[in-house]
């Protein structure tokens, strides 16, 4: 496998700040998704129906367990989507992908061990939002499903860290290469690079 040589600079985001921002962003995200949903379904589903749909007539303990299970599966899918998308472009494919947990913040992560171009890295960074946030929001608006709408809101807000990283990346020179940081929420950017093989 070839190794990228050259000057690199580290860029990271404050993960604690990202988690706090993720909590505050639920309201605007909910409004963005709920308003078109409401106007599409106001004749068949209003605010009262929304509240009633959240009170599922099952054992409260079972409901909480179901909710936690759905969230955990969604979080795992979020990281898996990162990995699958980056593996498409990474030299070494799936072998270049690593999963783990930042225990300090109780946050799972997906790490790509090899550098990617800006479009490649951005694609992998944003796809969890597209698959778990944006597309479910469209499905909710088409079907009138409140649970799917809530799922979309949660996993759109959960992508706030990815949005913050992509916002930094868009300011980098287009020819730069991006290497995902192995233990922080961020990346290394190679502004001037050359490839060097292992046998050199």
N, C-alpha and C. Protein backbone atom coordinates (compact mmCIF):
# COMPACT_ATOMS: atom_id res chain seq x y z
N UNK A 1 0.84 -1.19 0.00
CA UNK A 1 0.00 0.00 0.00
C UNK A 1 0.88 1.24 0.00
N UNK A 2 0.53 2.21 -0.80
CA UNK A 2 1.31 3.42 -0.88
C UNK A 2 0.99 4.34 0.28
N UNK A 3 2.04 5.06 0.73
CA UNK A 3 1.88 5.98 1.85
C UNK A 3 2.03 7.40 1.36
N UNK A 4 1.18 8.27 1.81
CA UNK A 4 1.22 9.67 1.39
C UNK A 4 2.25 10.41 2.23
N UNK A 5 3.19 11.06 1.54
CA UNK A 5 4.23 11.82 2.21
C UNK A 5 4.01 13.31 1.96
N UNK A 6 4.49 14.15 2.89
CA UNK A 6 4.38 15.59 2.68
C UNK A 6 3.87 16.29 3.91
N UNK A 7 3.79 17.62 3.81
CA UNK A 7 3.33 18.41 4.95
C UNK A 7 1.85 18.15 5.20
N UNK A 8 1.52 18.01 6.47
CA UNK A 8 0.12 17.83 6.82
C UNK A 8 -0.22 18.69 8.03
N UNK A 9 -1.48 19.08 8.10
CA UNK A 9 -1.96 19.89 9.22
C UNK A 9 -3.19 19.22 9.81
N UNK A 10 -3.30 19.30 11.13
CA UNK A 10 -4.42 18.67 11.82
C UNK A 10 -5.57 19.64 11.98
N UNK A 11 -6.77 19.15 11.71
CA UNK A 11 -7.99 19.93 11.92
C UNK A 11 -8.93 19.07 12.77
N UNK A 12 -9.42 19.61 13.87
CA UNK A 12 -10.36 18.87 14.71
C UNK A 12 -11.50 19.79 15.14
N UNK A 13 -12.58 19.17 15.54
CA UNK A 13 -13.70 19.91 16.11
C UNK A 13 -13.79 19.56 17.59
N UNK A 14 -14.42 20.41 18.35
CA UNK A 14 -14.67 20.16 19.77
C UNK A 14 -15.88 19.24 19.87
N UNK A 15 -15.64 17.97 20.21
CA UNK A 15 -16.72 17.00 20.21
C UNK A 15 -17.76 17.31 21.29
N UNK A 16 -17.31 17.84 22.42
CA UNK A 16 -18.27 18.23 23.47
C UNK A 16 -19.18 19.34 22.96
N UNK A 17 -18.59 20.30 22.24
CA UNK A 17 -19.39 21.38 21.65
C UNK A 17 -20.35 20.83 20.60
N UNK A 18 -19.87 19.87 19.81
CA UNK A 18 -20.72 19.27 18.79
C UNK A 18 -21.92 18.56 19.42
N UNK A 19 -21.67 17.84 20.55
CA UNK A 19 -22.77 17.15 21.22
C UNK A 19 -23.80 18.13 21.78
N UNK A 20 -23.32 19.25 22.33
CA UNK A 20 -24.23 20.27 22.86
C UNK A 20 -25.03 20.90 21.73
N UNK A 21 -24.33 21.20 20.62
CA UNK A 21 -25.01 21.79 19.47
C UNK A 21 -26.04 20.83 18.92
N UNK A 22 -25.71 19.53 18.94
CA UNK A 22 -26.65 18.53 18.46
C UNK A 22 -27.95 18.54 19.25
N UNK A 23 -27.85 18.82 20.57
CA UNK A 23 -29.06 18.91 21.40
C UNK A 23 -29.90 20.12 21.04
N UNK A 24 -29.25 21.26 20.79
CA UNK A 24 -29.99 22.48 20.47
C UNK A 24 -30.60 22.45 19.07
N UNK A 25 -30.01 21.65 18.19
CA UNK A 25 -30.45 21.68 16.79
C UNK A 25 -31.72 20.86 16.56
N UNK A 26 -32.15 20.09 17.57
CA UNK A 26 -33.36 19.28 17.40
C UNK A 26 -34.57 20.13 17.04
N UNK A 27 -34.73 21.27 17.69
CA UNK A 27 -35.91 22.11 17.45
C UNK A 27 -35.95 22.63 16.01
N UNK A 28 -34.87 23.28 15.51
CA UNK A 28 -34.95 23.74 14.11
C UNK A 28 -35.08 22.61 13.10
N UNK A 29 -34.41 21.47 13.37
CA UNK A 29 -34.55 20.33 12.46
C UNK A 29 -35.99 19.81 12.47
N UNK A 30 -36.58 19.72 13.66
CA UNK A 30 -37.96 19.27 13.76
C UNK A 30 -38.90 20.18 12.98
N UNK A 31 -38.68 21.49 13.10
CA UNK A 31 -39.55 22.43 12.40
C UNK A 31 -39.39 22.30 10.88
N UNK A 32 -38.16 22.15 10.43
CA UNK A 32 -37.91 22.02 8.99
C UNK A 32 -38.62 20.78 8.43
N UNK A 33 -38.61 19.68 9.19
CA UNK A 33 -39.24 18.45 8.72
C UNK A 33 -40.75 18.43 9.00
N UNK A 34 -41.14 18.98 10.16
CA UNK A 34 -42.54 18.90 10.56
C UNK A 34 -43.45 19.80 9.74
N UNK A 35 -42.98 20.99 9.37
CA UNK A 35 -43.85 21.93 8.65
C UNK A 35 -44.36 21.35 7.33
N UNK A 36 -43.48 20.86 6.44
CA UNK A 36 -44.04 20.26 5.21
C UNK A 36 -44.87 19.02 5.50
N UNK A 37 -44.44 18.25 6.52
CA UNK A 37 -45.20 17.06 6.91
C UNK A 37 -46.62 17.44 7.35
N UNK A 38 -46.73 18.48 8.16
CA UNK A 38 -48.03 18.91 8.67
C UNK A 38 -48.93 19.41 7.55
N UNK A 39 -48.38 20.23 6.65
CA UNK A 39 -49.20 20.78 5.58
C UNK A 39 -49.64 19.70 4.59
N UNK A 40 -48.83 18.65 4.46
CA UNK A 40 -49.22 17.55 3.58
C UNK A 40 -50.29 16.66 4.21
N UNK A 41 -50.25 16.56 5.56
CA UNK A 41 -51.11 15.59 6.23
C UNK A 41 -52.06 16.24 7.24
N UNK A 42 -52.26 17.55 7.17
CA UNK A 42 -53.06 18.22 8.18
C UNK A 42 -54.51 17.74 8.24
N UNK A 43 -55.03 17.24 7.13
CA UNK A 43 -56.43 16.77 7.15
C UNK A 43 -56.57 15.43 7.83
N UNK A 44 -55.49 14.66 7.80
CA UNK A 44 -55.59 13.33 8.40
C UNK A 44 -54.76 13.19 9.66
N UNK A 45 -53.89 14.17 9.94
CA UNK A 45 -53.02 14.04 11.09
C UNK A 45 -52.64 15.41 11.60
N UNK A 46 -53.13 15.79 12.75
CA UNK A 46 -52.81 17.07 13.36
C UNK A 46 -51.95 16.89 14.58
N UNK A 47 -51.85 17.96 15.36
CA UNK A 47 -50.99 17.93 16.55
C UNK A 47 -51.47 16.91 17.56
N UNK A 48 -52.78 16.82 17.76
CA UNK A 48 -53.31 15.84 18.72
C UNK A 48 -52.96 14.41 18.31
N UNK A 49 -53.06 14.14 17.02
CA UNK A 49 -52.73 12.81 16.53
C UNK A 49 -51.24 12.53 16.71
N UNK A 50 -50.41 13.58 16.55
CA UNK A 50 -48.97 13.41 16.76
C UNK A 50 -48.70 12.98 18.19
N UNK A 51 -49.33 13.66 19.15
CA UNK A 51 -49.11 13.33 20.56
C UNK A 51 -49.63 11.93 20.88
N UNK A 52 -50.79 11.60 20.31
CA UNK A 52 -51.35 10.27 20.57
C UNK A 52 -50.49 9.17 19.97
N UNK A 53 -49.89 9.45 18.81
CA UNK A 53 -49.08 8.42 18.16
C UNK A 53 -47.82 8.13 18.94
N UNK A 54 -47.39 9.10 19.76
CA UNK A 54 -46.19 8.90 20.57
C UNK A 54 -46.49 8.06 21.81
N UNK A 55 -47.77 7.96 22.17
CA UNK A 55 -48.17 7.18 23.34
C UNK A 55 -48.60 5.78 22.88
N UNK A 56 -47.63 5.00 22.52
CA UNK A 56 -47.93 3.66 22.01
C UNK A 56 -48.49 2.80 23.14
N UNK A 57 -49.62 2.15 22.84
CA UNK A 57 -50.33 1.39 23.87
C UNK A 57 -49.68 0.03 24.11
N UNK A 58 -48.46 0.05 24.63
CA UNK A 58 -47.78 -1.18 25.02
C UNK A 58 -47.13 -0.93 26.37
N UNK A 59 -46.57 -1.97 26.94
CA UNK A 59 -45.88 -1.85 28.21
C UNK A 59 -44.80 -0.77 28.12
N UNK A 60 -44.79 0.22 29.06
CA UNK A 60 -43.81 1.30 29.00
C UNK A 60 -42.37 0.80 28.96
N UNK A 61 -42.08 -0.25 29.72
CA UNK A 61 -40.73 -0.80 29.72
C UNK A 61 -40.35 -1.35 28.36
N UNK A 62 -41.31 -2.03 27.72
CA UNK A 62 -41.06 -2.58 26.39
C UNK A 62 -40.86 -1.45 25.38
N UNK A 63 -41.65 -0.39 25.53
CA UNK A 63 -41.51 0.76 24.63
C UNK A 63 -40.13 1.39 24.75
N UNK A 64 -39.67 1.57 25.99
CA UNK A 64 -38.34 2.17 26.20
C UNK A 64 -37.25 1.28 25.63
N UNK A 65 -37.39 -0.04 25.85
CA UNK A 65 -36.40 -0.97 25.31
C UNK A 65 -36.39 -0.94 23.79
N UNK A 66 -37.59 -0.86 23.19
CA UNK A 66 -37.70 -0.78 21.73
C UNK A 66 -37.05 0.50 21.22
N UNK A 67 -37.32 1.61 21.91
CA UNK A 67 -36.76 2.89 21.50
C UNK A 67 -35.23 2.87 21.57
N UNK A 68 -34.70 2.36 22.68
CA UNK A 68 -33.24 2.28 22.83
C UNK A 68 -32.63 1.39 21.77
N UNK A 69 -33.32 0.27 21.49
CA UNK A 69 -32.82 -0.66 20.46
C UNK A 69 -32.75 -0.01 19.10
N UNK A 70 -33.79 0.73 18.73
CA UNK A 70 -33.83 1.41 17.43
C UNK A 70 -32.72 2.45 17.34
N UNK A 71 -32.51 3.21 18.43
CA UNK A 71 -31.46 4.23 18.43
C UNK A 71 -30.08 3.61 18.32
N UNK A 72 -29.85 2.50 19.05
CA UNK A 72 -28.55 1.85 18.99
C UNK A 72 -28.26 1.30 17.60
N UNK A 73 -29.27 0.67 17.00
CA UNK A 73 -29.11 0.15 15.64
C UNK A 73 -28.83 1.29 14.67
N UNK A 74 -29.56 2.41 14.84
CA UNK A 74 -29.34 3.56 13.96
C UNK A 74 -27.94 4.13 14.11
N UNK A 75 -27.44 4.20 15.35
CA UNK A 75 -26.09 4.72 15.58
C UNK A 75 -25.05 3.82 14.94
N UNK A 76 -25.23 2.50 15.08
CA UNK A 76 -24.30 1.56 14.45
C UNK A 76 -24.35 1.68 12.92
N UNK A 77 -25.57 1.83 12.39
CA UNK A 77 -25.71 2.00 10.94
C UNK A 77 -25.03 3.28 10.47
N UNK A 78 -25.10 4.34 11.28
CA UNK A 78 -24.46 5.61 10.94
C UNK A 78 -22.97 5.38 10.68
N UNK A 79 -22.30 4.68 11.60
CA UNK A 79 -20.86 4.45 11.44
C UNK A 79 -20.58 3.45 10.31
N UNK A 80 -21.44 2.46 10.17
CA UNK A 80 -21.26 1.47 9.10
C UNK A 80 -21.36 2.13 7.73
N UNK A 81 -22.28 3.08 7.58
CA UNK A 81 -22.43 3.78 6.30
C UNK A 81 -21.17 4.59 6.00
N UNK A 82 -20.60 5.26 7.03
CA UNK A 82 -19.31 5.93 6.83
C UNK A 82 -18.30 4.94 6.24
N UNK A 83 -18.18 3.80 6.92
CA UNK A 83 -17.18 2.82 6.51
C UNK A 83 -17.40 2.27 5.12
N UNK A 84 -18.63 1.93 4.80
CA UNK A 84 -18.93 1.38 3.47
C UNK A 84 -18.61 2.38 2.37
N UNK A 85 -18.94 3.64 2.59
CA UNK A 85 -18.71 4.66 1.57
C UNK A 85 -17.22 4.95 1.40
N UNK A 86 -16.50 5.07 2.50
CA UNK A 86 -15.05 5.33 2.39
C UNK A 86 -14.31 4.12 1.82
N UNK A 87 -14.78 2.91 2.14
CA UNK A 87 -14.13 1.70 1.64
C UNK A 87 -14.19 1.62 0.11
N UNK A 88 -15.21 2.22 -0.48
CA UNK A 88 -15.34 2.22 -1.94
C UNK A 88 -14.13 2.88 -2.58
N UNK A 89 -13.63 3.95 -1.96
CA UNK A 89 -12.54 4.74 -2.54
C UNK A 89 -11.17 4.42 -1.95
N UNK A 90 -11.13 3.85 -0.75
CA UNK A 90 -9.85 3.66 -0.05
C UNK A 90 -9.02 2.55 -0.68
N UNK A 91 -7.72 2.78 -0.77
CA UNK A 91 -6.80 1.72 -1.17
C UNK A 91 -6.78 0.70 -0.05
N UNK A 92 -7.05 -0.54 -0.40
CA UNK A 92 -7.17 -1.57 0.62
C UNK A 92 -8.61 -1.87 0.96
N UNK A 93 -9.54 -1.04 0.44
CA UNK A 93 -10.96 -1.29 0.64
C UNK A 93 -11.34 -1.40 2.09
N UNK A 94 -12.10 -2.45 2.42
CA UNK A 94 -12.62 -2.62 3.77
C UNK A 94 -11.51 -2.77 4.82
N UNK A 95 -10.34 -3.25 4.39
CA UNK A 95 -9.22 -3.41 5.33
C UNK A 95 -8.71 -2.06 5.83
N UNK A 96 -9.03 -0.99 5.13
CA UNK A 96 -8.59 0.34 5.53
C UNK A 96 -9.55 1.01 6.51
N UNK A 97 -10.61 0.31 6.88
CA UNK A 97 -11.63 0.89 7.76
C UNK A 97 -11.53 0.30 9.16
N UNK A 98 -11.62 1.17 10.17
CA UNK A 98 -11.57 0.75 11.56
C UNK A 98 -12.74 1.37 12.32
N UNK A 99 -13.32 0.59 13.23
CA UNK A 99 -14.40 1.08 14.07
C UNK A 99 -13.97 1.06 15.53
N UNK A 100 -14.51 1.99 16.31
CA UNK A 100 -14.17 2.05 17.72
C UNK A 100 -15.10 2.99 18.46
N UNK A 101 -14.75 3.29 19.70
CA UNK A 101 -15.56 4.18 20.54
C UNK A 101 -14.63 5.18 21.23
N UNK A 102 -15.00 6.46 21.18
CA UNK A 102 -14.32 7.49 21.97
C UNK A 102 -14.99 7.48 23.34
N UNK A 103 -14.42 6.73 24.27
CA UNK A 103 -15.08 6.50 25.55
C UNK A 103 -15.26 7.78 26.35
N UNK A 104 -14.37 8.75 26.15
CA UNK A 104 -14.48 10.01 26.88
C UNK A 104 -15.81 10.69 26.62
N UNK A 105 -16.31 10.53 25.38
CA UNK A 105 -17.58 11.16 25.00
C UNK A 105 -18.68 10.12 24.75
N UNK A 106 -18.37 8.85 25.00
CA UNK A 106 -19.32 7.76 24.74
C UNK A 106 -19.84 7.85 23.31
N UNK A 107 -18.90 8.08 22.38
CA UNK A 107 -19.26 8.28 20.98
C UNK A 107 -18.56 7.25 20.09
N UNK A 108 -19.32 6.42 19.36
CA UNK A 108 -18.69 5.49 18.41
C UNK A 108 -18.14 6.25 17.22
N UNK A 109 -17.15 5.65 16.56
CA UNK A 109 -16.57 6.31 15.40
C UNK A 109 -16.17 5.30 14.34
N UNK A 110 -16.01 5.80 13.13
CA UNK A 110 -15.47 5.03 12.02
C UNK A 110 -14.24 5.78 11.51
N UNK A 111 -13.14 5.06 11.33
CA UNK A 111 -11.88 5.70 10.91
C UNK A 111 -11.39 5.06 9.62
N UNK A 112 -11.06 5.90 8.63
CA UNK A 112 -10.44 5.44 7.39
C UNK A 112 -8.93 5.67 7.51
N UNK A 113 -8.14 4.61 7.37
CA UNK A 113 -6.71 4.66 7.64
C UNK A 113 -5.90 5.28 6.50
N UNK A 114 -6.50 5.49 5.35
CA UNK A 114 -5.75 6.01 4.20
C UNK A 114 -6.36 7.33 3.73
N UNK A 115 -5.54 8.19 3.10
CA UNK A 115 -6.04 9.49 2.64
C UNK A 115 -7.04 9.35 1.50
N UNK A 116 -7.98 10.29 1.45
CA UNK A 116 -8.98 10.35 0.39
C UNK A 116 -9.00 11.75 -0.18
N UNK A 117 -9.54 11.88 -1.38
CA UNK A 117 -9.73 13.21 -1.94
C UNK A 117 -10.86 13.90 -1.19
N UNK A 118 -10.97 15.20 -1.34
CA UNK A 118 -12.02 15.95 -0.66
C UNK A 118 -13.42 15.46 -1.05
N UNK A 119 -13.72 15.27 -2.35
CA UNK A 119 -15.06 14.75 -2.70
C UNK A 119 -15.32 13.36 -2.12
N UNK A 120 -14.31 12.49 -2.11
CA UNK A 120 -14.49 11.14 -1.58
C UNK A 120 -14.78 11.18 -0.08
N UNK A 121 -13.99 11.95 0.65
CA UNK A 121 -14.18 12.02 2.09
C UNK A 121 -15.52 12.67 2.43
N UNK A 122 -15.87 13.72 1.72
CA UNK A 122 -17.13 14.42 1.96
C UNK A 122 -18.32 13.51 1.69
N UNK A 123 -18.23 12.73 0.63
CA UNK A 123 -19.29 11.78 0.30
C UNK A 123 -19.54 10.82 1.46
N UNK A 124 -18.47 10.23 1.97
CA UNK A 124 -18.60 9.29 3.08
C UNK A 124 -19.06 9.95 4.36
N UNK A 125 -18.67 11.21 4.55
CA UNK A 125 -19.04 11.92 5.77
C UNK A 125 -20.53 12.26 5.80
N UNK A 126 -21.11 12.57 4.64
CA UNK A 126 -22.50 13.03 4.60
C UNK A 126 -23.54 11.93 4.34
N UNK A 127 -23.09 10.77 3.88
CA UNK A 127 -24.07 9.73 3.53
C UNK A 127 -24.92 9.24 4.69
N UNK A 128 -24.40 9.16 5.93
CA UNK A 128 -25.30 8.77 7.03
C UNK A 128 -26.47 9.73 7.20
N UNK A 129 -26.21 11.03 7.04
CA UNK A 129 -27.31 12.00 7.09
C UNK A 129 -28.31 11.74 5.97
N UNK A 130 -27.82 11.48 4.77
CA UNK A 130 -28.71 11.25 3.63
C UNK A 130 -29.57 10.01 3.85
N UNK A 131 -28.92 8.91 4.26
CA UNK A 131 -29.63 7.62 4.39
C UNK A 131 -30.52 7.57 5.61
N UNK A 132 -30.05 8.10 6.74
CA UNK A 132 -30.79 7.97 7.99
C UNK A 132 -31.59 9.21 8.38
N UNK A 133 -31.30 10.34 7.73
CA UNK A 133 -32.00 11.57 8.06
C UNK A 133 -32.87 12.10 6.94
N UNK A 134 -32.26 12.46 5.83
CA UNK A 134 -32.98 13.11 4.74
C UNK A 134 -33.99 12.17 4.06
N UNK A 135 -33.54 10.97 3.70
CA UNK A 135 -34.44 10.04 3.01
C UNK A 135 -35.62 9.60 3.90
N UNK A 136 -35.39 9.28 5.18
CA UNK A 136 -36.54 8.97 6.04
C UNK A 136 -37.52 10.14 6.17
N UNK A 137 -37.00 11.38 6.14
CA UNK A 137 -37.89 12.54 6.20
C UNK A 137 -38.79 12.58 4.97
N UNK A 138 -38.24 12.25 3.81
CA UNK A 138 -39.05 12.20 2.59
C UNK A 138 -40.08 11.07 2.67
N UNK A 139 -39.63 9.91 3.19
CA UNK A 139 -40.56 8.78 3.35
C UNK A 139 -41.70 9.16 4.30
N UNK A 140 -41.36 9.87 5.38
CA UNK A 140 -42.39 10.28 6.35
C UNK A 140 -43.40 11.21 5.70
N UNK A 141 -42.90 12.15 4.89
CA UNK A 141 -43.81 13.09 4.22
C UNK A 141 -44.68 12.39 3.18
N UNK A 142 -44.17 11.32 2.60
CA UNK A 142 -44.95 10.59 1.59
C UNK A 142 -45.95 9.63 2.21
N UNK A 143 -45.67 9.14 3.40
CA UNK A 143 -46.52 8.12 4.02
C UNK A 143 -47.32 8.62 5.21
N UNK A 144 -46.94 9.78 5.76
CA UNK A 144 -47.61 10.29 6.94
C UNK A 144 -47.21 9.58 8.22
N UNK A 145 -46.04 8.94 8.21
CA UNK A 145 -45.58 8.18 9.37
C UNK A 145 -44.85 9.08 10.37
N UNK A 146 -45.43 9.27 11.54
CA UNK A 146 -44.79 10.08 12.58
C UNK A 146 -43.54 9.41 13.13
N UNK A 147 -43.54 8.09 13.43
CA UNK A 147 -42.31 7.46 13.92
C UNK A 147 -41.13 7.64 12.97
N UNK A 148 -41.38 7.51 11.67
CA UNK A 148 -40.30 7.70 10.70
C UNK A 148 -39.82 9.14 10.71
N UNK A 149 -40.75 10.08 10.88
CA UNK A 149 -40.38 11.50 10.95
C UNK A 149 -39.47 11.75 12.15
N UNK A 150 -39.82 11.18 13.30
CA UNK A 150 -39.01 11.36 14.51
C UNK A 150 -37.64 10.72 14.32
N UNK A 151 -37.60 9.56 13.69
CA UNK A 151 -36.33 8.90 13.38
C UNK A 151 -35.46 9.82 12.52
N UNK A 152 -36.07 10.45 11.51
CA UNK A 152 -35.34 11.34 10.62
C UNK A 152 -34.79 12.54 11.37
N UNK A 153 -35.58 13.10 12.28
CA UNK A 153 -35.13 14.25 13.07
C UNK A 153 -33.93 13.86 13.92
N UNK A 154 -34.02 12.73 14.61
CA UNK A 154 -32.94 12.31 15.51
C UNK A 154 -31.64 12.11 14.75
N UNK A 155 -31.70 11.41 13.62
CA UNK A 155 -30.45 11.07 12.93
C UNK A 155 -29.96 12.19 12.01
N UNK A 156 -30.77 13.21 11.80
CA UNK A 156 -30.25 14.42 11.18
C UNK A 156 -29.44 15.20 12.21
N UNK A 157 -30.00 15.33 13.42
CA UNK A 157 -29.27 16.01 14.49
C UNK A 157 -28.01 15.25 14.87
N UNK A 158 -28.04 13.92 14.78
CA UNK A 158 -26.89 13.10 15.13
C UNK A 158 -25.72 13.30 14.16
N UNK A 159 -26.00 13.88 13.00
CA UNK A 159 -24.96 14.10 11.99
C UNK A 159 -24.29 15.47 12.13
N UNK A 160 -24.57 16.19 13.22
CA UNK A 160 -24.04 17.54 13.38
C UNK A 160 -22.51 17.57 13.33
N UNK A 161 -21.86 16.57 13.95
CA UNK A 161 -20.40 16.52 13.91
C UNK A 161 -19.88 16.37 12.50
N UNK A 162 -20.56 15.54 11.70
CA UNK A 162 -20.16 15.36 10.30
C UNK A 162 -20.30 16.67 9.53
N UNK A 163 -21.37 17.41 9.78
CA UNK A 163 -21.55 18.70 9.11
C UNK A 163 -20.45 19.68 9.50
N UNK A 164 -20.06 19.67 10.76
CA UNK A 164 -19.01 20.58 11.22
C UNK A 164 -17.67 20.26 10.54
N UNK A 165 -17.38 18.97 10.38
CA UNK A 165 -16.13 18.57 9.72
C UNK A 165 -16.17 18.93 8.24
N UNK A 166 -17.29 18.66 7.59
CA UNK A 166 -17.41 19.00 6.17
C UNK A 166 -17.31 20.51 5.96
N UNK A 167 -17.83 21.27 6.90
CA UNK A 167 -17.72 22.73 6.81
C UNK A 167 -16.27 23.18 6.84
N UNK A 168 -15.42 22.48 7.60
CA UNK A 168 -13.99 22.78 7.61
C UNK A 168 -13.34 22.35 6.30
N UNK A 169 -13.73 21.18 5.83
CA UNK A 169 -13.11 20.63 4.62
C UNK A 169 -13.37 21.50 3.40
N UNK A 170 -14.54 22.10 3.33
CA UNK A 170 -14.87 22.90 2.14
C UNK A 170 -13.97 24.12 1.99
N UNK A 171 -13.25 24.47 3.06
CA UNK A 171 -12.34 25.60 3.01
C UNK A 171 -10.94 25.20 2.59
N UNK A 172 -10.69 23.88 2.45
CA UNK A 172 -9.37 23.40 2.06
C UNK A 172 -9.19 23.52 0.54
N UNK A 173 -7.92 23.61 0.07
CA UNK A 173 -7.67 23.60 -1.38
C UNK A 173 -8.22 22.32 -2.01
N UNK A 174 -8.80 22.42 -3.17
CA UNK A 174 -9.46 21.27 -3.79
C UNK A 174 -8.50 20.13 -4.08
N UNK A 175 -7.21 20.43 -4.28
CA UNK A 175 -6.25 19.37 -4.60
C UNK A 175 -5.74 18.67 -3.34
N UNK A 176 -6.13 19.14 -2.17
CA UNK A 176 -5.64 18.56 -0.92
C UNK A 176 -6.19 17.14 -0.72
N UNK A 177 -5.47 16.35 0.07
CA UNK A 177 -5.92 15.02 0.45
C UNK A 177 -6.28 15.03 1.93
N UNK A 178 -7.30 14.25 2.28
CA UNK A 178 -7.81 14.24 3.64
C UNK A 178 -7.57 12.87 4.27
N UNK A 179 -6.90 12.87 5.44
CA UNK A 179 -6.69 11.64 6.19
C UNK A 179 -7.47 11.73 7.49
N UNK A 180 -8.41 10.84 7.67
CA UNK A 180 -9.25 10.84 8.86
C UNK A 180 -8.39 10.70 10.11
N UNK A 181 -8.69 11.49 11.13
CA UNK A 181 -7.92 11.41 12.38
C UNK A 181 -8.27 10.11 13.10
N UNK A 182 -7.28 9.37 13.59
CA UNK A 182 -7.55 8.06 14.20
C UNK A 182 -8.21 8.10 15.56
N UNK A 183 -8.12 9.21 16.28
CA UNK A 183 -8.64 9.22 17.65
C UNK A 183 -9.39 10.50 18.03
N UNK A 184 -9.51 11.43 17.11
CA UNK A 184 -10.21 12.68 17.37
C UNK A 184 -11.27 12.90 16.30
N UNK A 185 -12.22 13.79 16.58
CA UNK A 185 -13.22 14.14 15.58
C UNK A 185 -12.61 15.19 14.65
N UNK A 186 -12.05 14.72 13.55
CA UNK A 186 -11.38 15.63 12.63
C UNK A 186 -10.53 14.89 11.63
N UNK A 187 -9.51 15.54 11.11
CA UNK A 187 -8.72 14.96 10.03
C UNK A 187 -7.36 15.65 9.93
N UNK A 188 -6.47 15.02 9.16
CA UNK A 188 -5.23 15.66 8.72
C UNK A 188 -5.41 16.06 7.26
N UNK A 189 -4.96 17.23 6.92
CA UNK A 189 -5.03 17.66 5.53
C UNK A 189 -3.61 17.73 4.97
N UNK A 190 -3.39 17.07 3.82
CA UNK A 190 -2.12 17.12 3.12
C UNK A 190 -2.24 18.19 2.04
N UNK A 191 -1.57 19.32 2.25
CA UNK A 191 -1.66 20.44 1.30
C UNK A 191 -0.71 20.26 0.13
N UNK A 192 0.46 19.66 0.39
CA UNK A 192 1.43 19.36 -0.66
C UNK A 192 1.90 17.94 -0.40
N UNK A 193 1.63 17.05 -1.33
CA UNK A 193 1.94 15.66 -1.07
C UNK A 193 2.50 14.96 -2.29
N UNK A 194 3.15 13.83 -1.98
CA UNK A 194 3.61 12.94 -3.03
C UNK A 194 3.48 11.52 -2.50
N UNK A 195 3.22 10.58 -3.37
CA UNK A 195 3.03 9.21 -2.94
C UNK A 195 4.36 8.48 -2.92
N UNK A 196 4.52 7.66 -1.86
CA UNK A 196 5.75 6.91 -1.68
C UNK A 196 5.39 5.47 -1.38
N UNK A 197 5.93 4.54 -2.16
CA UNK A 197 5.64 3.12 -1.95
C UNK A 197 6.42 2.57 -0.79
N UNK A 198 5.96 1.44 -0.25
CA UNK A 198 6.61 0.83 0.90
C UNK A 198 7.99 0.29 0.56
N UNK A 199 8.22 -0.05 -0.72
CA UNK A 199 9.49 -0.65 -1.09
C UNK A 199 10.57 0.39 -1.35
N UNK A 200 10.24 1.70 -1.22
CA UNK A 200 11.24 2.73 -1.47
C UNK A 200 12.04 2.99 -0.22
